Amino acid sequence: MCCFVSLFLLIGPRFALVCMWLFSDMISRAFGNNFIIPILGIILLPYTMIFYVIVAQYMGMSNPFAWALVIVGFIIDISAYGGGWWGNRHRLQR
């Protein structure tokens, strides 16, 4: 069961981004005609990209609260990467 939850948390935001890209124009509005940055965002920083797309769509990027939400997404992404390291710190000691 734990592996299923981990798999869902890993694939969930990426699946949501792919659905947003295929079924709406939110990503094309946020990034224009560029497709490299959205692909990198889906692979590397999915939560940051979700927050950026939603903020660009509804709030505009001139709002400081909007940038705070994007930073929250970045912190979630970094904590997801760092959490794996922190959980395995006892295995990696020399």
Protein backbone atom coordinates (compact mmCIF):
# COMPACT_ATOMS: atom_id res chain seq x y z
CA MET A 1 0.00 0.00 0.00
CA CYS A 2 2.84 2.38 0.81
CA CYS A 3 4.35 1.87 -2.65
CA PHE A 4 0.99 2.70 -4.24
CA VAL A 5 0.74 5.96 -2.30
CA SER A 6 4.32 6.88 -3.21
CA LEU A 7 3.68 6.12 -6.86
CA PHE A 8 0.51 8.23 -6.82
CA LEU A 9 2.36 11.18 -5.25
CA LEU A 10 5.13 10.87 -7.82
CA ILE A 11 2.91 10.64 -10.89
CA GLY A 12 -0.06 12.73 -9.68
CA PRO A 13 1.21 16.26 -10.39
CA ARG A 14 2.79 15.22 -13.67
CA PHE A 15 -0.48 13.63 -14.79
CA ALA A 16 -2.35 16.80 -13.82
CA LEU A 17 0.08 18.93 -15.86
CA VAL A 18 -0.20 16.69 -18.90
CA CYS A 19 -4.01 16.87 -18.66
CA MET A 20 -3.83 20.67 -18.34
CA TRP A 21 -1.58 20.80 -21.39
CA LEU A 22 -3.81 18.54 -23.50
CA PHE A 23 -7.27 19.73 -22.48
CA SER A 24 -6.82 23.45 -21.78
CA ASP A 25 -4.75 26.38 -22.93
CA MET A 26 -3.47 27.37 -19.48
CA ILE A 27 0.09 26.20 -20.13
CA SER A 28 0.27 27.84 -23.53
CA ARG A 29 -0.94 31.11 -21.97
CA ALA A 30 1.64 30.88 -19.20
CA PHE A 31 4.62 29.97 -21.40
CA GLY A 32 3.63 31.12 -24.88
CA ASN A 33 4.78 28.98 -27.81
CA ASN A 34 7.76 27.60 -25.90
CA PHE A 35 7.48 23.87 -25.23
CA ILE A 36 10.91 23.11 -23.74
CA ILE A 37 10.29 24.91 -20.44
CA PRO A 38 6.94 23.14 -19.80
CA ILE A 39 8.51 19.75 -20.52
CA LEU A 40 11.38 20.49 -18.13
CA GLY A 41 8.86 21.71 -15.58
CA ILE A 42 6.87 18.51 -15.83
CA ILE A 43 10.00 16.41 -15.36
CA LEU A 44 11.92 18.41 -12.74
CA LEU A 45 9.62 20.77 -10.82
CA PRO A 46 5.98 19.73 -11.24
CA TYR A 47 4.52 21.52 -8.21
CA THR A 48 6.30 24.76 -9.06
CA MET A 49 4.94 24.57 -12.57
CA ILE A 50 1.39 23.87 -11.36
CA PHE A 51 1.51 26.90 -9.08
CA TYR A 52 3.07 29.07 -11.80
CA VAL A 53 0.45 28.13 -14.39
CA ILE A 54 -2.45 28.73 -11.99
CA VAL A 55 -0.99 32.02 -10.78
CA ALA A 56 -0.27 33.24 -14.31
CA GLN A 57 -3.81 32.35 -15.35
CA TYR A 58 -5.79 33.83 -12.49
CA MET A 59 -3.67 36.34 -10.56
CA GLY A 60 -1.07 37.74 -12.94
CA MET A 61 2.62 37.77 -12.19
CA SER A 62 2.80 41.36 -10.86
CA ASN A 63 1.17 40.38 -7.57
CA PRO A 64 3.65 39.62 -4.74
CA PHE A 65 1.26 37.03 -3.30
CA ALA A 66 1.44 35.22 -6.64
CA TRP A 67 5.21 34.92 -6.39
CA ALA A 68 4.82 33.69 -2.81
CA LEU A 69 2.63 30.84 -4.09
CA VAL A 70 5.21 29.94 -6.74
CA ILE A 71 7.89 29.88 -4.03
CA VAL A 72 5.68 27.56 -1.96
CA GLY A 73 5.51 25.21 -4.95
CA PHE A 74 9.29 25.33 -5.26
CA ILE A 75 9.68 24.51 -1.57
CA ILE A 76 7.35 21.53 -1.99
CA ASP A 77 9.45 20.27 -4.92
CA ILE A 78 12.75 20.72 -3.10
CA SER A 79 11.38 19.06 0.03
CA ALA A 80 10.23 16.10 -2.06
CA TYR A 81 13.78 15.65 -3.37
CA GLY A 82 15.42 16.34 0.00
CA GLY A 83 12.97 14.15 1.90
CA GLY A 84 14.28 11.05 0.17
CA TRP A 85 17.79 11.95 1.18
CA TRP A 86 16.76 12.71 4.75
CA GLY A 87 14.86 9.44 5.07
CA ASN A 88 17.88 7.42 3.91
CA ARG A 89 20.53 9.32 5.86
CA HIS A 90 21.23 6.37 8.16
CA ARG A 91 21.92 4.07 5.22
CA LEU A 92 24.35 6.48 3.61
CA GLN A 93 26.59 7.14 6.61
CA ARG A 94 30.21 6.15 6.27
